Amino acid sequence: MGIQEIILIILFAGALFYVGRIIYRSLNSKNGCASNCNKCAADFSKIKIPTPKN
């Protein structure tokens, strides 16, 4: 086994770890959204929604 094959195996294992970590984090999300984009982390509790006047 040459040095090129060893480097290729290390890079492939690193890529598998990276993709596996992304999948694991998306499946085990504790928020309502599993995409981990932080758009859902906004706090809208202090915003007053206007009610329509009839």
N, C-alpha and C. Protein backbone atom coordinates (compact mmCIF):
# COMPACT_ATOMS: atom_id res chain seq x y z
N MET A 1 0.86 -1.17 0.00
CA MET A 1 0.00 0.00 0.00
C MET A 1 0.90 1.23 0.00
N GLY A 2 0.68 2.10 -0.97
CA GLY A 2 1.50 3.29 -1.10
C GLY A 2 0.97 4.46 -0.30
N ILE A 3 1.75 5.52 -0.29
CA ILE A 3 1.38 6.72 0.47
C ILE A 3 0.12 7.37 -0.10
N GLN A 4 -0.07 7.29 -1.44
CA GLN A 4 -1.26 7.88 -2.04
C GLN A 4 -2.53 7.16 -1.57
N GLU A 5 -2.47 5.87 -1.44
CA GLU A 5 -3.65 5.12 -0.99
C GLU A 5 -3.95 5.41 0.48
N ILE A 6 -2.92 5.57 1.28
CA ILE A 6 -3.12 5.91 2.69
C ILE A 6 -3.77 7.28 2.82
N ILE A 7 -3.28 8.25 2.05
CA ILE A 7 -3.86 9.59 2.08
C ILE A 7 -5.31 9.55 1.60
N LEU A 8 -5.58 8.78 0.57
CA LEU A 8 -6.94 8.65 0.05
C LEU A 8 -7.88 8.05 1.10
N ILE A 9 -7.43 7.04 1.81
CA ILE A 9 -8.24 6.41 2.86
C ILE A 9 -8.52 7.40 3.99
N ILE A 10 -7.52 8.18 4.37
CA ILE A 10 -7.69 9.17 5.44
C ILE A 10 -8.70 10.24 5.01
N LEU A 11 -8.58 10.72 3.79
CA LEU A 11 -9.52 11.74 3.29
C LEU A 11 -10.94 11.18 3.19
N PHE A 12 -11.07 9.96 2.73
CA PHE A 12 -12.38 9.34 2.62
C PHE A 12 -13.01 9.14 4.00
N ALA A 13 -12.22 8.70 4.97
CA ALA A 13 -12.74 8.52 6.33
C ALA A 13 -13.15 9.87 6.93
N GLY A 14 -12.38 10.91 6.66
CA GLY A 14 -12.75 12.25 7.14
C GLY A 14 -14.04 12.73 6.53
N ALA A 15 -14.23 12.48 5.23
CA ALA A 15 -15.47 12.89 4.57
C ALA A 15 -16.66 12.12 5.13
N LEU A 16 -16.48 10.83 5.37
CA LEU A 16 -17.57 10.03 5.97
C LEU A 16 -17.94 10.54 7.36
N PHE A 17 -16.92 10.87 8.15
CA PHE A 17 -17.17 11.41 9.48
C PHE A 17 -17.94 12.73 9.40
N TYR A 18 -17.53 13.60 8.48
CA TYR A 18 -18.18 14.91 8.32
C TYR A 18 -19.64 14.75 7.92
N VAL A 19 -19.93 13.93 6.93
CA VAL A 19 -21.31 13.74 6.47
C VAL A 19 -22.13 13.04 7.55
N GLY A 20 -21.54 12.07 8.22
CA GLY A 20 -22.24 11.38 9.30
C GLY A 20 -22.60 12.32 10.44
N ARG A 21 -21.70 13.24 10.74
CA ARG A 21 -21.95 14.21 11.81
C ARG A 21 -23.09 15.16 11.43
N ILE A 22 -23.12 15.59 10.18
CA ILE A 22 -24.21 16.45 9.72
C ILE A 22 -25.55 15.72 9.82
N ILE A 23 -25.58 14.48 9.38
CA ILE A 23 -26.83 13.70 9.44
C ILE A 23 -27.25 13.47 10.89
N TYR A 24 -26.30 13.13 11.75
CA TYR A 24 -26.60 12.89 13.16
C TYR A 24 -27.16 14.15 13.82
N ARG A 25 -26.55 15.30 13.55
CA ARG A 25 -27.02 16.54 14.16
C ARG A 25 -28.39 16.94 13.65
N SER A 26 -28.68 16.66 12.38
CA SER A 26 -29.99 17.03 11.85
C SER A 26 -31.09 16.12 12.39
N LEU A 27 -30.77 14.86 12.67
CA LEU A 27 -31.77 13.94 13.19
C LEU A 27 -32.01 14.13 14.68
N ASN A 28 -31.03 14.62 15.41
CA ASN A 28 -31.15 14.77 16.86
C ASN A 28 -31.30 16.22 17.27
N SER A 29 -31.94 17.02 16.45
CA SER A 29 -32.13 18.43 16.76
C SER A 29 -33.13 18.58 17.89
N LYS A 30 -32.88 19.50 18.78
CA LYS A 30 -33.77 19.75 19.90
C LYS A 30 -34.75 20.88 19.60
N ASN A 31 -34.53 21.66 18.53
CA ASN A 31 -35.46 22.72 18.16
C ASN A 31 -36.49 22.15 17.21
N GLY A 32 -37.40 23.00 16.79
CA GLY A 32 -38.42 22.57 15.86
C GLY A 32 -37.88 22.33 14.46
N CYS A 33 -36.77 22.93 14.15
CA CYS A 33 -36.21 22.84 12.81
C CYS A 33 -34.92 22.03 12.87
N ALA A 34 -34.75 21.10 11.95
CA ALA A 34 -33.58 20.23 11.99
C ALA A 34 -32.50 20.63 11.00
N SER A 35 -32.62 21.79 10.38
CA SER A 35 -31.63 22.15 9.37
C SER A 35 -30.41 22.84 9.96
N ASN A 36 -30.44 23.24 11.22
CA ASN A 36 -29.33 23.90 11.91
C ASN A 36 -28.90 25.18 11.22
N CYS A 37 -29.82 25.92 10.66
CA CYS A 37 -29.48 27.17 9.99
C CYS A 37 -29.65 28.37 10.91
N ASN A 38 -30.18 28.20 12.10
CA ASN A 38 -30.40 29.22 13.13
C ASN A 38 -31.43 30.28 12.73
N LYS A 39 -32.23 30.04 11.73
CA LYS A 39 -33.30 30.97 11.40
C LYS A 39 -34.43 30.84 12.41
N CYS A 40 -34.62 29.65 12.95
CA CYS A 40 -35.71 29.41 13.89
C CYS A 40 -35.39 29.90 15.30
N ALA A 41 -34.16 30.35 15.52
CA ALA A 41 -33.76 30.75 16.86
C ALA A 41 -34.19 32.16 17.21
N ALA A 42 -34.84 32.88 16.30
CA ALA A 42 -35.27 34.25 16.57
C ALA A 42 -36.37 34.24 17.62
N ASP A 43 -36.31 35.21 18.52
CA ASP A 43 -37.29 35.33 19.58
C ASP A 43 -38.36 36.33 19.17
N PHE A 44 -39.56 35.82 18.86
CA PHE A 44 -40.66 36.67 18.43
C PHE A 44 -41.66 36.91 19.55
N SER A 45 -41.31 36.60 20.78
CA SER A 45 -42.27 36.71 21.88
C SER A 45 -42.61 38.16 22.23
N LYS A 46 -41.73 39.12 21.93
CA LYS A 46 -41.98 40.52 22.29
C LYS A 46 -42.63 41.31 21.16
N ILE A 47 -42.89 40.68 20.03
CA ILE A 47 -43.51 41.36 18.90
C ILE A 47 -45.03 41.28 19.05
N LYS A 48 -45.68 42.42 18.95
CA LYS A 48 -47.14 42.47 19.06
C LYS A 48 -47.72 42.35 17.67
N ILE A 49 -48.61 41.40 17.52
CA ILE A 49 -49.29 41.19 16.24
C ILE A 49 -50.57 42.01 16.25
N PRO A 50 -50.71 42.91 15.27
CA PRO A 50 -51.93 43.73 15.25
C PRO A 50 -53.16 42.90 14.91
N THR A 51 -54.24 43.20 15.60
CA THR A 51 -55.49 42.51 15.34
C THR A 51 -56.32 43.34 14.37
N PRO A 52 -57.02 42.71 13.45
CA PRO A 52 -57.83 43.46 12.49
C PRO A 52 -59.03 44.13 13.18
N LYS A 53 -59.31 45.33 12.78
CA LYS A 53 -60.44 46.08 13.36
C LYS A 53 -61.66 45.89 12.47
N ASN A 54 -62.71 45.37 13.05
CA ASN A 54 -63.96 45.13 12.30
C ASN A 54 -64.97 46.17 12.57
